[in-house]
Amino acid sequence: MTKADLVEEVTQLGDLTRRDGEVIVETIFDSVIQALKAGDKIEIRGFGSFRIRQRKPRTGRNPKTGAKVEVPAKRVPYFKPSKELRDLVNPKDEASPAEPTA
């Protein structure tokens, strides 16, 4: 699903104009980005949480030349899905193939 697909979904669900759907999606994304930039954690119940993880500086290697390269410390966004979302993506069947049936 692309951002345009998401805008289309919002537009159809809310019976809105395409421009209104774009504003809604952009506002949500911008809010998440601004909160992460500020170092805040975003938690959406039933979906998951977004947070920032700090990576330490390290020595890497240029794969082409093999030369050592210093990689600076950086902050990276991280998403952790909720248990509910994981269960929806991986539903448990009544009789799974790993378990023998009687």
C-alpha atoms as a PDB file:
ATOM      1  CA  MET A   1       0.000   0.000   0.000  1.00  0.00           C
ATOM      2  CA  THR A   2       1.335   3.410  -0.934  1.00  0.00           C
ATOM      3  CA  LYS A   3       0.625   6.806   0.567  1.00  0.00           C
ATOM      4  CA  ALA A   4      -1.742   7.521  -2.339  1.00  0.00           C
ATOM      5  CA  ASP A   5      -3.626   4.285  -1.590  1.00  0.00           C
ATOM      6  CA  LEU A   6      -3.932   5.313   2.047  1.00  0.00           C
ATOM      7  CA  VAL A   7      -5.296   8.729   1.035  1.00  0.00           C
ATOM      8  CA  GLU A   8      -7.841   6.982  -1.198  1.00  0.00           C
ATOM      9  CA  GLU A   9      -8.956   4.716   1.682  1.00  0.00           C
ATOM     10  CA  VAL A  10      -9.413   7.689   4.023  1.00  0.00           C
ATOM     11  CA  THR A  11     -11.289   9.604   1.337  1.00  0.00           C
ATOM     12  CA  GLN A  12     -13.720   6.728   0.704  1.00  0.00           C
ATOM     13  CA  LEU A  13     -14.305   5.899   4.377  1.00  0.00           C
ATOM     14  CA  GLY A  14     -15.043   9.465   5.391  1.00  0.00           C
ATOM     15  CA  ASP A  15     -16.906  10.469   2.222  1.00  0.00           C
ATOM     16  CA  LEU A  16     -14.386  13.327   1.886  1.00  0.00           C
ATOM     17  CA  THR A  17     -12.733  15.128  -0.982  1.00  0.00           C
ATOM     18  CA  ARG A  18      -9.325  13.870  -2.078  1.00  0.00           C
ATOM     19  CA  ARG A  19      -7.742  17.067  -0.747  1.00  0.00           C
ATOM     20  CA  ASP A  20      -9.286  16.477   2.717  1.00  0.00           C
ATOM     21  CA  GLY A  21      -7.954  12.912   2.710  1.00  0.00           C
ATOM     22  CA  GLU A  22      -4.469  14.155   1.807  1.00  0.00           C
ATOM     23  CA  VAL A  23      -4.565  16.719   4.635  1.00  0.00           C
ATOM     24  CA  ILE A  24      -5.589  14.050   7.169  1.00  0.00           C
ATOM     25  CA  VAL A  25      -2.862  11.597   6.134  1.00  0.00           C
ATOM     26  CA  GLU A  26      -0.194  14.331   5.951  1.00  0.00           C
ATOM     27  CA  THR A  27      -1.204  15.635   9.398  1.00  0.00           C
ATOM     28  CA  ILE A  28      -0.861  12.185  10.959  1.00  0.00           C
ATOM     29  CA  PHE A  29       2.541  11.571   9.350  1.00  0.00           C
ATOM     30  CA  ASP A  30       3.803  15.049  10.262  1.00  0.00           C
ATOM     31  CA  SER A  31       2.660  14.602  13.858  1.00  0.00           C
ATOM     32  CA  VAL A  32       4.528  11.307  14.169  1.00  0.00           C
ATOM     33  CA  ILE A  33       7.682  12.814  12.621  1.00  0.00           C
ATOM     34  CA  GLN A  34       7.612  15.896  14.866  1.00  0.00           C
ATOM     35  CA  ALA A  35       7.100  13.784  17.995  1.00  0.00           C
ATOM     36  CA  LEU A  36      10.020  11.506  17.059  1.00  0.00           C
ATOM     37  CA  LYS A  37      12.240  14.509  16.317  1.00  0.00           C
ATOM     38  CA  ALA A  38      11.432  15.835  19.793  1.00  0.00           C
ATOM     39  CA  GLY A  39      12.391  12.476  21.311  1.00  0.00           C
ATOM     40  CA  ASP A  40       8.818  11.548  22.271  1.00  0.00           C
ATOM     41  CA  LYS A  41       7.320   8.076  22.037  1.00  0.00           C
ATOM     42  CA  ILE A  42       4.083   7.530  20.099  1.00  0.00           C
ATOM     43  CA  GLU A  43       1.816   4.723  21.254  1.00  0.00           C
ATOM     44  CA  ILE A  44      -1.284   3.764  19.282  1.00  0.00           C
ATOM     45  CA  ARG A  45      -3.256   1.149  21.203  1.00  0.00           C
ATOM     46  CA  GLY A  46      -3.997  -1.950  19.148  1.00  0.00           C
ATOM     47  CA  PHE A  47      -1.467  -0.924  16.476  1.00  0.00           C
ATOM     48  CA  GLY A  48       1.971  -0.376  17.991  1.00  0.00           C
ATOM     49  CA  SER A  49       4.474   2.202  19.146  1.00  0.00           C
ATOM     50  CA  PHE A  50       7.063   4.374  17.454  1.00  0.00           C
ATOM     51  CA  ARG A  51      10.216   5.452  19.260  1.00  0.00           C
ATOM     52  CA  ILE A  52      13.779   6.524  18.620  1.00  0.00           C
ATOM     53  CA  ARG A  53      16.746   4.239  19.232  1.00  0.00           C
ATOM     54  CA  GLN A  54      20.260   5.584  19.668  1.00  0.00           C
ATOM     55  CA  ARG A  55      22.983   3.808  17.701  1.00  0.00           C
ATOM     56  CA  LYS A  56      26.544   4.031  18.961  1.00  0.00           C
ATOM     57  CA  PRO A  57      29.420   5.110  16.726  1.00  0.00           C
ATOM     58  CA  ARG A  58      31.258   2.219  15.119  1.00  0.00           C
ATOM     59  CA  THR A  59      33.890   1.309  12.597  1.00  0.00           C
ATOM     60  CA  GLY A  60      32.417  -0.010   9.370  1.00  0.00           C
ATOM     61  CA  ARG A  61      33.899  -1.187   6.086  1.00  0.00           C
ATOM     62  CA  ASN A  62      33.442   0.094   2.578  1.00  0.00           C
ATOM     63  CA  PRO A  63      32.232  -3.044   0.733  1.00  0.00           C
ATOM     64  CA  LYS A  64      33.828  -1.933  -2.535  1.00  0.00           C
ATOM     65  CA  THR A  65      37.340  -1.111  -1.307  1.00  0.00           C
ATOM     66  CA  GLY A  66      37.430  -2.836   2.070  1.00  0.00           C
ATOM     67  CA  ALA A  67      38.686   0.370   3.684  1.00  0.00           C
ATOM     68  CA  LYS A  68      37.688   1.143   7.263  1.00  0.00           C
ATOM     69  CA  VAL A  69      35.073   3.883   7.644  1.00  0.00           C
ATOM     70  CA  GLU A  70      34.016   5.616  10.851  1.00  0.00           C
ATOM     71  CA  VAL A  71      30.224   5.562  11.165  1.00  0.00           C
ATOM     72  CA  PRO A  72      28.974   8.277  13.543  1.00  0.00           C
ATOM     73  CA  ALA A  73      26.352   7.812  16.263  1.00  0.00           C
ATOM     74  CA  LYS A  74      22.813   8.402  15.054  1.00  0.00           C
ATOM     75  CA  ARG A  75      19.186   8.205  16.065  1.00  0.00           C
ATOM     76  CA  VAL A  76      16.961   5.818  14.105  1.00  0.00           C
ATOM     77  CA  PRO A  77      13.164   5.450  14.197  1.00  0.00           C
ATOM     78  CA  TYR A  78      11.871   2.100  15.441  1.00  0.00           C
ATOM     79  CA  PHE A  79       8.368   0.597  15.243  1.00  0.00           C
ATOM     80  CA  LYS A  80       7.204  -2.122  17.604  1.00  0.00           C
ATOM     81  CA  PRO A  81       3.858  -3.711  16.655  1.00  0.00           C
ATOM     82  CA  SER A  82       1.307  -4.393  19.381  1.00  0.00           C
ATOM     83  CA  LYS A  83       0.387  -7.935  20.361  1.00  0.00           C
ATOM     84  CA  GLU A  84      -3.046  -7.381  18.807  1.00  0.00           C
ATOM     85  CA  LEU A  85      -1.505  -6.425  15.449  1.00  0.00           C
ATOM     86  CA  ARG A  86       0.875  -9.404  15.527  1.00  0.00           C
ATOM     87  CA  ASP A  87      -2.056 -11.732  16.251  1.00  0.00           C
ATOM     88  CA  LEU A  88      -4.100 -10.237  13.382  1.00  0.00           C
ATOM     89  CA  VAL A  89      -1.208 -10.709  10.949  1.00  0.00           C
ATOM     90  CA  ASN A  90      -0.466 -14.248  12.202  1.00  0.00           C
ATOM     91  CA  PRO A  91      -3.821 -15.818  13.104  1.00  0.00           C
ATOM     92  CA  LYS A  92      -3.699 -19.073  15.022  1.00  0.00           C
ATOM     93  CA  ASP A  93      -5.761 -21.821  13.410  1.00  0.00           C
ATOM     94  CA  GLU A  94      -7.732 -24.386  15.371  1.00  0.00           C
ATOM     95  CA  ALA A  95      -5.551 -27.224  14.058  1.00  0.00           C
ATOM     96  CA  SER A  96      -2.097 -26.084  13.078  1.00  0.00           C
ATOM     97  CA  PRO A  97       0.000 -28.317  10.783  1.00  0.00           C
ATOM     98  CA  ALA A  98       2.712 -28.707  13.454  1.00  0.00           C
ATOM     99  CA  GLU A  99       0.303 -30.354  15.883  1.00  0.00           C
ATOM    100  CA  PRO A 100      -1.068 -33.830  15.124  1.00  0.00           C
ATOM    101  CA  THR A 101      -4.849 -34.134  15.127  1.00  0.00           C
ATOM    102  CA  ALA A 102      -6.502 -36.924  17.072  1.00  0.00           C
END
